[in-house]
Amino acid sequence: MADLSFDSKGLAVFTAKYHGEVTLSKKKWVIVCSQPERRYYKYNGEKIPTTLINPDYVRHHKLNPSQFLYYKKFERYRVTETVEVPLRSGFCCVILKEFRPKGHSE
């Protein structure tokens, strides 16, 4: 399984190309992966840092300017621990939510 590594505080730390250090909480990851339509996410965790560090596109969310969408095209996704399938339009999208630069307090 392509699982993520979380530190003792329950955070996975990644570097995003345009936003520097970002985190994902284990609590949020469990919530995201527990949704039936996202059941395969847990097998593709390694796509998160790849998408953040080397995105094909980065966009502002149309309705929420504090969110950024990082997109990366992938040819294949795992649907189980052992089964990988090709994708016709296989983009991974990682959403950076409520981004605040370091030292910014609001």
PDB file of N, CA and C in Angstrom:
ATOM      1  N   MET A   1       0.842  -1.183   0.000  1.00  0.00           N
ATOM      2  CA  MET A   1       0.000   0.000   0.000  1.00  0.00           C
ATOM      3  C   MET A   1       0.884   1.242   0.000  1.00  0.00           C
ATOM      4  N   ALA A   2       0.498   2.204  -0.800  1.00  0.00           N
ATOM      5  CA  ALA A   2       1.239   3.465  -0.889  1.00  0.00           C
ATOM      6  C   ALA A   2       0.719   4.395   0.200  1.00  0.00           C
ATOM      7  N   ASP A   3       1.052   4.078   1.421  1.00  0.00           N
ATOM      8  CA  ASP A   3       0.542   4.845   2.546  1.00  0.00           C
ATOM      9  C   ASP A   3       1.418   6.063   2.802  1.00  0.00           C
ATOM     10  N   LEU A   4       0.891   6.990   3.558  1.00  0.00           N
ATOM     11  CA  LEU A   4       1.628   8.191   3.915  1.00  0.00           C
ATOM     12  C   LEU A   4       2.251   8.015   5.291  1.00  0.00           C
ATOM     13  N   SER A   5       3.330   8.722   5.544  1.00  0.00           N
ATOM     14  CA  SER A   5       3.973   8.693   6.855  1.00  0.00           C
ATOM     15  C   SER A   5       3.572   9.931   7.634  1.00  0.00           C
ATOM     16  N   PHE A   6       3.083   9.707   8.847  1.00  0.00           N
ATOM     17  CA  PHE A   6       2.678  10.797   9.716  1.00  0.00           C
ATOM     18  C   PHE A   6       3.602  10.853  10.913  1.00  0.00           C
ATOM     19  N   ASP A   7       3.928  12.059  11.362  1.00  0.00           N
ATOM     20  CA  ASP A   7       4.813  12.216  12.513  1.00  0.00           C
ATOM     21  C   ASP A   7       4.046  11.990  13.818  1.00  0.00           C
ATOM     22  N   SER A   8       4.713  12.198  14.941  1.00  0.00           N
ATOM     23  CA  SER A   8       4.108  11.951  16.251  1.00  0.00           C
ATOM     24  C   SER A   8       2.925  12.880  16.539  1.00  0.00           C
ATOM     25  N   LYS A   9       2.836  13.992  15.811  1.00  0.00           N
ATOM     26  CA  LYS A   9       1.706  14.920  15.971  1.00  0.00           C
ATOM     27  C   LYS A   9       0.559  14.578  15.012  1.00  0.00           C
ATOM     28  N   GLY A  10       0.728  13.515  14.216  1.00  0.00           N
ATOM     29  CA  GLY A  10      -0.302  13.111  13.278  1.00  0.00           C
ATOM     30  C   GLY A  10      -0.301  13.915  11.996  1.00  0.00           C
ATOM     31  N   LEU A  11       0.854  14.457  11.607  1.00  0.00           N
ATOM     32  CA  LEU A  11       0.954  15.267  10.393  1.00  0.00           C
ATOM     33  C   LEU A  11       1.919  14.644   9.390  1.00  0.00           C
ATOM     34  N   ALA A  12       1.548  14.716   8.122  1.00  0.00           N
ATOM     35  CA  ALA A  12       2.456  14.388   7.026  1.00  0.00           C
ATOM     36  C   ALA A  12       2.890  15.734   6.449  1.00  0.00           C
ATOM     37  N   VAL A  13       4.180  15.913   6.275  1.00  0.00           N
ATOM     38  CA  VAL A  13       4.723  17.188   5.800  1.00  0.00           C
ATOM     39  C   VAL A  13       5.210  17.015   4.366  1.00  0.00           C
ATOM     40  N   PHE A  14       4.800  17.936   3.496  1.00  0.00           N
ATOM     41  CA  PHE A  14       5.188  17.913   2.090  1.00  0.00           C
ATOM     42  C   PHE A  14       5.718  19.284   1.695  1.00  0.00           C
ATOM     43  N   THR A  15       6.440  19.322   0.583  1.00  0.00           N
ATOM     44  CA  THR A  15       6.876  20.588   0.014  1.00  0.00           C
ATOM     45  C   THR A  15       6.068  20.830  -1.257  1.00  0.00           C
ATOM     46  N   ALA A  16       5.429  21.981  -1.317  1.00  0.00           N
ATOM     47  CA  ALA A  16       4.663  22.364  -2.505  1.00  0.00           C
ATOM     48  C   ALA A  16       5.488  23.373  -3.303  1.00  0.00           C
ATOM     49  N   LYS A  17       5.519  23.200  -4.604  1.00  0.00           N
ATOM     50  CA  LYS A  17       6.357  24.013  -5.481  1.00  0.00           C
ATOM     51  C   LYS A  17       6.193  25.514  -5.251  1.00  0.00           C
ATOM     52  N   TYR A  18       4.976  25.979  -5.105  1.00  0.00           N
ATOM     53  CA  TYR A  18       4.739  27.415  -4.984  1.00  0.00           C
ATOM     54  C   TYR A  18       4.357  27.867  -3.581  1.00  0.00           C
ATOM     55  N   HIS A  19       4.183  26.942  -2.650  1.00  0.00           N
ATOM     56  CA  HIS A  19       3.721  27.314  -1.319  1.00  0.00           C
ATOM     57  C   HIS A  19       4.608  26.791  -0.189  1.00  0.00           C
ATOM     58  N   GLY A  20       5.737  26.193  -0.532  1.00  0.00           N
ATOM     59  CA  GLY A  20       6.652  25.725   0.501  1.00  0.00           C
ATOM     60  C   GLY A  20       6.099  24.547   1.285  1.00  0.00           C
ATOM     61  N   GLU A  21       6.360  24.533   2.576  1.00  0.00           N
ATOM     62  CA  GLU A  21       5.965  23.417   3.427  1.00  0.00           C
ATOM     63  C   GLU A  21       4.463  23.435   3.711  1.00  0.00           C
ATOM     64  N   VAL A  22       3.812  22.307   3.464  1.00  0.00           N
ATOM     65  CA  VAL A  22       2.387  22.150   3.740  1.00  0.00           C
ATOM     66  C   VAL A  22       2.187  20.841   4.506  1.00  0.00           C
ATOM     67  N   THR A  23       1.075  20.726   5.199  1.00  0.00           N
ATOM     68  CA  THR A  23       0.826  19.521   5.987  1.00  0.00           C
ATOM     69  C   THR A  23      -0.546  18.931   5.680  1.00  0.00           C
ATOM     70  N   LEU A  24      -0.649  17.656   5.970  1.00  0.00           N
ATOM     71  CA  LEU A  24      -1.909  16.924   5.896  1.00  0.00           C
ATOM     72  C   LEU A  24      -2.031  16.159   7.204  1.00  0.00           C
ATOM     73  N   SER A  25      -3.148  16.324   7.892  1.00  0.00           N
ATOM     74  CA  SER A  25      -3.325  15.598   9.148  1.00  0.00           C
ATOM     75  C   SER A  25      -3.808  14.181   8.871  1.00  0.00           C
ATOM     76  N   LYS A  26      -3.404  13.274   9.740  1.00  0.00           N
ATOM     77  CA  LYS A  26      -3.843  11.889   9.616  1.00  0.00           C
ATOM     78  C   LYS A  26      -5.368  11.819   9.733  1.00  0.00           C
ATOM     79  N   LYS A  27      -5.933  12.643  10.604  1.00  0.00           N
ATOM     80  CA  LYS A  27      -7.387  12.685  10.784  1.00  0.00           C
ATOM     81  C   LYS A  27      -8.080  13.021   9.462  1.00  0.00           C
ATOM     82  N   LYS A  28      -7.592  14.037   8.760  1.00  0.00           N
ATOM     83  CA  LYS A  28      -8.179  14.445   7.479  1.00  0.00           C
ATOM     84  C   LYS A  28      -7.999  13.349   6.431  1.00  0.00           C
ATOM     85  N   TRP A  29      -6.832  12.715   6.396  1.00  0.00           N
ATOM     86  CA  TRP A  29      -6.550  11.652   5.436  1.00  0.00           C
ATOM     87  C   TRP A  29      -7.525  10.483   5.635  1.00  0.00           C
ATOM     88  N   VAL A  30      -7.776  10.115   6.876  1.00  0.00           N
ATOM     89  CA  VAL A  30      -8.722   9.025   7.175  1.00  0.00           C
ATOM     90  C   VAL A  30     -10.132   9.409   6.715  1.00  0.00           C
ATOM     91  N   ILE A  31     -10.528  10.652   6.964  1.00  0.00           N
ATOM     92  CA  ILE A  31     -11.853  11.119   6.538  1.00  0.00           C
ATOM     93  C   ILE A  31     -11.970  11.067   5.016  1.00  0.00           C
ATOM     94  N   VAL A  32     -10.973  11.577   4.321  1.00  0.00           N
ATOM     95  CA  VAL A  32     -10.985  11.590   2.853  1.00  0.00           C
ATOM     96  C   VAL A  32     -11.060  10.162   2.305  1.00  0.00           C
ATOM     97  N   CYS A  33     -10.222   9.280   2.822  1.00  0.00           N
ATOM     98  CA  CYS A  33     -10.171   7.904   2.311  1.00  0.00           C
ATOM     99  C   CYS A  33     -11.390   7.073   2.693  1.00  0.00           C
ATOM    100  N   SER A  34     -12.161   7.512   3.671  1.00  0.00           N
ATOM    101  CA  SER A  34     -13.319   6.734   4.116  1.00  0.00           C
ATOM    102  C   SER A  34     -14.543   6.935   3.222  1.00  0.00           C
ATOM    103  N   GLN A  35     -14.507   7.922   2.356  1.00  0.00           N
ATOM    104  CA  GLN A  35     -15.627   8.155   1.444  1.00  0.00           C
ATOM    105  C   GLN A  35     -15.618   7.069   0.360  1.00  0.00           C
ATOM    106  N   PRO A  36     -16.771   6.450   0.073  1.00  0.00           N
ATOM    107  CA  PRO A  36     -16.807   5.336  -0.890  1.00  0.00           C
ATOM    108  C   PRO A  36     -16.215   5.672  -2.264  1.00  0.00           C
ATOM    109  N   GLU A  37     -16.462   6.873  -2.750  1.00  0.00           N
ATOM    110  CA  GLU A  37     -15.945   7.236  -4.071  1.00  0.00           C
ATOM    111  C   GLU A  37     -14.442   7.496  -4.058  1.00  0.00           C
ATOM    112  N   ARG A  38     -13.840   7.511  -2.872  1.00  0.00           N
ATOM    113  CA  ARG A  38     -12.398   7.761  -2.735  1.00  0.00           C
ATOM    114  C   ARG A  38     -11.663   6.571  -2.129  1.00  0.00           C
ATOM    115  N   ARG A  39     -12.263   5.414  -2.171  1.00  0.00           N
ATOM    116  CA  ARG A  39     -11.704   4.232  -1.505  1.00  0.00           C
ATOM    117  C   ARG A  39     -10.310   3.859  -2.003  1.00  0.00           C
ATOM    118  N   TYR A  40      -9.974   4.241  -3.224  1.00  0.00           N
ATOM    119  CA  TYR A  40      -8.668   3.895  -3.793  1.00  0.00           C
ATOM    120  C   TYR A  40      -7.578   4.925  -3.453  1.00  0.00           C
ATOM    121  N   TYR A  41      -7.937   6.037  -2.848  1.00  0.00           N
ATOM    122  CA  TYR A  41      -6.935   7.066  -2.533  1.00  0.00           C
ATOM    123  C   TYR A  41      -5.807   6.506  -1.679  1.00  0.00           C
ATOM    124  N   LYS A  42      -6.159   5.656  -0.707  1.00  0.00           N
ATOM    125  CA  LYS A  42      -5.142   5.127   0.208  1.00  0.00           C
ATOM    126  C   LYS A  42      -4.065   4.332  -0.517  1.00  0.00           C
ATOM    127  N   TYR A  43      -4.342   3.848  -1.717  1.00  0.00           N
ATOM    128  CA  TYR A  43      -3.349   3.093  -2.483  1.00  0.00           C
ATOM    129  C   TYR A  43      -2.498   4.000  -3.365  1.00  0.00           C
ATOM    130  N   ASN A  44      -2.781   5.288  -3.375  1.00  0.00           N
ATOM    131  CA  ASN A  44      -2.100   6.238  -4.247  1.00  0.00           C
ATOM    132  C   ASN A  44      -1.501   7.422  -3.488  1.00  0.00           C
ATOM    133  N   GLY A  45      -1.226   7.237  -2.216  1.00  0.00           N
ATOM    134  CA  GLY A  45      -0.699   8.312  -1.383  1.00  0.00           C
ATOM    135  C   GLY A  45       0.571   8.944  -1.904  1.00  0.00           C
ATOM    136  N   GLU A  46       1.406   8.165  -2.608  1.00  0.00           N
ATOM    137  CA  GLU A  46       2.671   8.716  -3.116  1.00  0.00           C
ATOM    138  C   GLU A  46       2.449   9.758  -4.202  1.00  0.00           C
ATOM    139  N   LYS A  47       1.242   9.835  -4.746  1.00  0.00           N
ATOM    140  CA  LYS A  47       0.955  10.834  -5.778  1.00  0.00           C
ATOM    141  C   LYS A  47       0.795  12.242  -5.188  1.00  0.00           C
ATOM    142  N   ILE A  48       0.553  12.324  -3.903  1.00  0.00           N
ATOM    143  CA  ILE A  48       0.401  13.642  -3.264  1.00  0.00           C
ATOM    144  C   ILE A  48       1.704  14.433  -3.312  1.00  0.00           C
ATOM    145  N   PRO A  49       2.817  13.913  -2.774  1.00  0.00           N
ATOM    146  CA  PRO A  49       4.041  14.725  -2.850  1.00  0.00           C
ATOM    147  C   PRO A  49       4.516  14.962  -4.284  1.00  0.00           C
ATOM    148  N   THR A  50       4.314  13.984  -5.166  1.00  0.00           N
ATOM    149  CA  THR A  50       4.705  14.162  -6.570  1.00  0.00           C
ATOM    150  C   THR A  50       3.917  15.308  -7.203  1.00  0.00           C
ATOM    151  N   THR A  51       2.624  15.347  -6.919  1.00  0.00           N
ATOM    152  CA  THR A  51       1.767  16.403  -7.467  1.00  0.00           C
ATOM    153  C   THR A  51       2.158  17.765  -6.917  1.00  0.00           C
ATOM    154  N   LEU A  52       2.461  17.828  -5.630  1.00  0.00           N
ATOM    155  CA  LEU A  52       2.794  19.114  -5.010  1.00  0.00           C
ATOM    156  C   LEU A  52       4.144  19.665  -5.457  1.00  0.00           C
ATOM    157  N   ILE A  53       5.129  18.805  -5.609  1.00  0.00           N
ATOM    158  CA  ILE A  53       6.471  19.294  -5.940  1.00  0.00           C
ATOM    159  C   ILE A  53       6.651  19.520  -7.448  1.00  0.00           C
ATOM    160  N   ASN A  54       5.911  18.772  -8.268  1.00  0.00           N
ATOM    161  CA  ASN A  54       6.073  18.877  -9.720  1.00  0.00           C
ATOM    162  C   ASN A  54       4.710  18.897 -10.428  1.00  0.00           C
ATOM    163  N   PRO A  55       3.887  19.911 -10.149  1.00  0.00           N
ATOM    164  CA  PRO A  55       2.544  19.945 -10.746  1.00  0.00           C
ATOM    165  C   PRO A  55       2.583  20.285 -12.233  1.00  0.00           C
ATOM    166  N   ASP A  56       1.572  19.809 -12.941  1.00  0.00           N
ATOM    167  CA  ASP A  56       1.395  20.215 -14.341  1.00  0.00           C
ATOM    168  C   ASP A  56       0.686  21.566 -14.404  1.00  0.00           C
ATOM    169  N   TYR A  57      -0.224  21.777 -13.449  1.00  0.00           N
ATOM    170  CA  TYR A  57      -0.987  23.026 -13.371  1.00  0.00           C
ATOM    171  C   TYR A  57      -1.253  23.362 -11.907  1.00  0.00           C
ATOM    172  N   VAL A  58      -1.342  24.653 -11.635  1.00  0.00           N
ATOM    173  CA  VAL A  58      -1.795  25.123 -10.325  1.00  0.00           C
ATOM    174  C   VAL A  58      -2.820  26.219 -10.591  1.00  0.00           C
ATOM    175  N   ARG A  59      -3.954  26.102  -9.947  1.00  0.00           N
ATOM    176  CA  ARG A  59      -5.045  27.060 -10.153  1.00  0.00           C
ATOM    177  C   ARG A  59      -5.594  27.539  -8.817  1.00  0.00           C
ATOM    178  N   HIS A  60      -6.154  28.743  -8.819  1.00  0.00           N
ATOM    179  CA  HIS A  60      -6.932  29.217  -7.678  1.00  0.00           C
ATOM    180  C   HIS A  60      -8.318  28.593  -7.764  1.00  0.00           C
ATOM    181  N   HIS A  61      -8.888  28.281  -6.637  1.00  0.00           N
ATOM    182  CA  HIS A  61     -10.267  27.811  -6.610  1.00  0.00           C
ATOM    183  C   HIS A  61     -11.153  28.974  -7.062  1.00  0.00           C
ATOM    184  N   LYS A  62     -12.145  28.707  -7.918  1.00  0.00           N
ATOM    185  CA  LYS A  62     -12.983  29.778  -8.462  1.00  0.00           C
ATOM    186  C   LYS A  62     -13.803  30.493  -7.400  1.00  0.00           C
ATOM    187  N   LEU A  63     -14.268  29.759  -6.401  1.00  0.00           N
ATOM    188  CA  LEU A  63     -15.149  30.350  -5.401  1.00  0.00           C
ATOM    189  C   LEU A  63     -14.463  30.668  -4.080  1.00  0.00           C
ATOM    190  N   ASN A  64     -13.310  30.060  -3.847  1.00  0.00           N
ATOM    191  CA  ASN A  64     -12.607  30.265  -2.584  1.00  0.00           C
ATOM    192  C   ASN A  64     -11.151  30.643  -2.874  1.00  0.00           C
ATOM    193  N   PRO A  65     -10.825  31.917  -2.871  1.00  0.00           N
ATOM    194  CA  PRO A  65      -9.480  32.357  -3.253  1.00  0.00           C
ATOM    195  C   PRO A  65      -8.372  31.902  -2.306  1.00  0.00           C
ATOM    196  N   SER A  66      -8.731  31.372  -1.123  1.00  0.00           N
ATOM    197  CA  SER A  66      -7.690  30.886  -0.213  1.00  0.00           C
ATOM    198  C   SER A  66      -7.308  29.437  -0.517  1.00  0.00           C
ATOM    199  N   GLN A  67      -7.954  28.815  -1.518  1.00  0.00           N
ATOM    200  CA  GLN A  67      -7.626  27.447  -1.886  1.00  0.00           C
ATOM    201  C   GLN A  67      -6.901  27.411  -3.228  1.00  0.00           C
ATOM    202  N   PHE A  68      -5.895  26.522  -3.287  1.00  0.00           N
ATOM    203  CA  PHE A  68      -5.129  26.321  -4.509  1.00  0.00           C
ATOM    204  C   PHE A  68      -5.241  24.866  -4.920  1.00  0.00           C
ATOM    205  N   LEU A  69      -5.394  24.619  -6.221  1.00  0.00           N
ATOM    206  CA  LEU A  69      -5.522  23.269  -6.737  1.00  0.00           C
ATOM    207  C   LEU A  69      -4.281  22.928  -7.547  1.00  0.00           C
ATOM    208  N   TYR A  70      -3.541  21.923  -7.095  1.00  0.00           N
ATOM    209  CA  TYR A  70      -2.359  21.425  -7.783  1.00  0.00           C
ATOM    210  C   TYR A  70      -2.765  20.192  -8.586  1.00  0.00           C
ATOM    211  N   TYR A  71      -2.482  20.184  -9.890  1.00  0.00           N
ATOM    212  CA  TYR A  71      -2.850  19.071 -10.762  1.00  0.00           C
ATOM    213  C   TYR A  71      -1.606  18.403 -11.335  1.00  0.00           C
ATOM    214  N   LYS A  72      -1.650  17.093 -11.417  1.00  0.00           N
ATOM    215  CA  LYS A  72      -0.568  16.313 -12.027  1.00  0.00           C
ATOM    216  C   LYS A  72      -1.190  15.150 -12.780  1.00  0.00           C
ATOM    217  N   LYS A  73      -0.798  14.968 -14.027  1.00  0.00           N
ATOM    218  CA  LYS A  73      -1.322  13.856 -14.830  1.00  0.00           C
ATOM    219  C   LYS A  73      -0.553  12.578 -14.519  1.00  0.00           C
ATOM    220  N   PHE A  74      -1.309  11.506 -14.298  1.00  0.00           N
ATOM    221  CA  PHE A  74      -0.735  10.184 -14.078  1.00  0.00           C
ATOM    222  C   PHE A  74      -1.355   9.218 -15.079  1.00  0.00           C
ATOM    223  N   GLU A  75      -0.560   8.279 -15.544  1.00  0.00           N
ATOM    224  CA  GLU A  75      -1.030   7.298 -16.520  1.00  0.00           C
ATOM    225  C   GLU A  75      -1.784   6.148 -15.853  1.00  0.00           C
ATOM    226  N   ARG A  76      -1.464   5.877 -14.579  1.00  0.00           N
ATOM    227  CA  ARG A  76      -2.046   4.720 -13.901  1.00  0.00           C
ATOM    228  C   ARG A  76      -2.394   5.058 -12.452  1.00  0.00           C
ATOM    229  N   TYR A  77      -3.410   4.378 -11.941  1.00  0.00           N
ATOM    230  CA  TYR A  77      -3.807   4.483 -10.530  1.00  0.00           C
ATOM    231  C   TYR A  77      -3.989   3.081  -9.974  1.00  0.00           C
ATOM    232  N   ARG A  78      -3.668   2.936  -8.726  1.00  0.00           N
ATOM    233  CA  ARG A  78      -3.945   1.668  -8.051  1.00  0.00           C
ATOM    234  C   ARG A  78      -5.386   1.704  -7.547  1.00  0.00           C
ATOM    235  N   VAL A  79      -6.108   0.607  -7.761  1.00  0.00           N
ATOM    236  CA  VAL A  79      -7.472   0.502  -7.256  1.00  0.00           C
ATOM    237  C   VAL A  79      -7.548  -0.456  -6.067  1.00  0.00           C
ATOM    238  N   THR A  80      -6.508  -1.272  -5.901  1.00  0.00           N
ATOM    239  CA  THR A  80      -6.317  -2.107  -4.714  1.00  0.00           C
ATOM    240  C   THR A  80      -4.817  -2.137  -4.457  1.00  0.00           C
ATOM    241  N   GLU A  81      -4.407  -2.866  -3.447  1.00  0.00           N
ATOM    242  CA  GLU A  81      -2.968  -2.962  -3.160  1.00  0.00           C
ATOM    243  C   GLU A  81      -2.192  -3.584  -4.310  1.00  0.00           C
ATOM    244  N   THR A  82      -2.840  -4.465  -5.062  1.00  0.00           N
ATOM    245  CA  THR A  82      -2.129  -5.210  -6.101  1.00  0.00           C
ATOM    246  C   THR A  82      -2.590  -4.936  -7.522  1.00  0.00           C
ATOM    247  N   VAL A  83      -3.670  -4.181  -7.704  1.00  0.00           N
ATOM    248  CA  VAL A  83      -4.208  -3.945  -9.048  1.00  0.00           C
ATOM    249  C   VAL A  83      -4.050  -2.480  -9.431  1.00  0.00           C
ATOM    250  N   GLU A  84      -3.407  -2.277 -10.582  1.00  0.00           N
ATOM    251  CA  GLU A  84      -3.208  -0.936 -11.118  1.00  0.00           C
ATOM    252  C   GLU A  84      -3.919  -0.870 -12.461  1.00  0.00           C
ATOM    253  N   VAL A  85      -4.577   0.260 -12.738  1.00  0.00           N
ATOM    254  CA  VAL A  85      -5.315   0.398 -13.994  1.00  0.00           C
ATOM    255  C   VAL A  85      -4.856   1.650 -14.742  1.00  0.00           C
ATOM    256  N   PRO A  86      -4.910   1.612 -16.069  1.00  0.00           N
ATOM    257  CA  PRO A  86      -4.601   2.810 -16.856  1.00  0.00           C
ATOM    258  C   PRO A  86      -5.766   3.796 -16.768  1.00  0.00           C
ATOM    259  N   LEU A  87      -5.442   5.061 -16.918  1.00  0.00           N
ATOM    260  CA  LEU A  87      -6.464   6.102 -16.882  1.00  0.00           C
ATOM    261  C   LEU A  87      -6.437   6.891 -18.174  1.00  0.00           C
ATOM    262  N   ARG A  88      -7.611   7.221 -18.678  1.00  0.00           N
ATOM    263  CA  ARG A  88      -7.694   8.039 -19.895  1.00  0.00           C
ATOM    264  C   ARG A  88      -7.370   9.494 -19.582  1.00  0.00           C
ATOM    265  N   SER A  89      -7.939   9.997 -18.518  1.00  0.00           N
ATOM    266  CA  SER A  89      -7.657  11.379 -18.115  1.00  0.00           C
ATOM    267  C   SER A  89      -7.315  11.358 -16.633  1.00  0.00           C
ATOM    268  N   GLY A  90      -6.151  10.845 -16.336  1.00  0.00           N
ATOM    269  CA  GLY A  90      -5.759  10.578 -14.959  1.00  0.00           C
ATOM    270  C   GLY A  90      -5.036  11.703 -14.267  1.00  0.00           C
ATOM    271  N   PHE A  91      -5.780  12.719 -13.877  1.00  0.00           N
ATOM    272  CA  PHE A  91      -5.174  13.800 -13.126  1.00  0.00           C
ATOM    273  C   PHE A  91      -5.389  13.585 -11.636  1.00  0.00           C
ATOM    274  N   CYS A  92      -4.352  13.826 -10.890  1.00  0.00           N
ATOM    275  CA  CYS A  92      -4.455  13.881  -9.437  1.00  0.00           C
ATOM    276  C   CYS A  92      -4.591  15.361  -9.094  1.00  0.00           C
ATOM    277  N   CYS A  93      -5.499  15.673  -8.207  1.00  0.00           N
ATOM    278  CA  CYS A  93      -5.666  17.050  -7.765  1.00  0.00           C
ATOM    279  C   CYS A  93      -5.487  17.096  -6.259  1.00  0.00           C
ATOM    280  N   VAL A  94      -4.558  17.909  -5.812  1.00  0.00           N
ATOM    281  CA  VAL A  94      -4.340  18.121  -4.383  1.00  0.00           C
ATOM    282  C   VAL A  94      -4.765  19.547  -4.080  1.00  0.00           C
ATOM    283  N   ILE A  95      -5.648  19.691  -3.112  1.00  0.00           N
ATOM    284  CA  ILE A  95      -6.175  21.008  -2.762  1.00  0.00           C
ATOM    285  C   ILE A  95      -5.465  21.524  -1.521  1.00  0.00           C
ATOM    286  N   LEU A  96      -4.850  22.685  -1.646  1.00  0.00           N
ATOM    287  CA  LEU A  96      -4.276  23.362  -0.485  1.00  0.00           C
ATOM    288  C   LEU A  96      -5.355  24.292   0.035  1.00  0.00           C
ATOM    289  N   LYS A  97      -5.761  24.045   1.249  1.00  0.00           N
ATOM    290  CA  LYS A  97      -6.881  24.762   1.836  1.00  0.00           C
ATOM    291  C   LYS A  97      -6.386  25.741   2.884  1.00  0.00           C
ATOM    292  N   GLU A  98      -6.954  26.934   2.863  1.00  0.00           N
ATOM    293  CA  GLU A  98      -6.647  27.961   3.857  1.00  0.00           C
ATOM    294  C   GLU A  98      -5.148  28.194   3.990  1.00  0.00           C
ATOM    295  N   PHE A  99      -4.501  28.378   2.870  1.00  0.00           N
ATOM    296  CA  PHE A  99      -3.061  28.626   2.865  1.00  0.00           C
ATOM    297  C   PHE A  99      -2.756  29.977   3.477  1.00  0.00           C
ATOM    298  N   ARG A 100      -1.800  29.977   4.389  1.00  0.00           N
ATOM    299  CA  ARG A 100      -1.283  31.218   4.978  1.00  0.00           C
ATOM    300  C   ARG A 100       0.236  31.130   5.000  1.00  0.00           C
ATOM    301  N   PRO A 101       0.910  32.120   4.475  1.00  0.00           N
ATOM    302  CA  PRO A 101       2.379  32.097   4.531  1.00  0.00           C
ATOM    303  C   PRO A 101       2.854  32.024   5.975  1.00  0.00           C
ATOM    304  N   LYS A 102       4.030  31.431   6.162  1.00  0.00           N
ATOM    305  CA  LYS A 102       4.625  31.344   7.507  1.00  0.00           C
ATOM    306  C   LYS A 102       4.720  32.719   8.110  1.00  0.00           C
ATOM    307  N   GLY A 103       4.384  32.816   9.384  1.00  0.00           N
ATOM    308  CA  GLY A 103       4.452  34.087  10.094  1.00  0.00           C
ATOM    309  C   GLY A 103       3.204  34.925   9.956  1.00  0.00           C
ATOM    310  N   HIS A 104       2.271  34.502   9.112  1.00  0.00           N
ATOM    311  CA  HIS A 104       1.034  35.237   8.900  1.00  0.00           C
ATOM    312  C   HIS A 104       0.008  34.758   9.915  1.00  0.00           C
ATOM    313  N   SER A 105      -0.535  35.643  10.708  1.00  0.00           N
ATOM    314  CA  SER A 105      -1.479  35.213  11.736  1.00  0.00           C
ATOM    315  C   SER A 105      -2.806  35.923  11.568  1.00  0.00           C
ATOM    316  N   GLU A 106      -3.809  35.162  11.189  1.00  0.00           N
ATOM    317  CA  GLU A 106      -5.181  35.681  11.064  1.00  0.00           C
ATOM    318  C   GLU A 106      -6.112  34.656  11.601  1.00  0.00           C
TER     319      GLU A 106
END
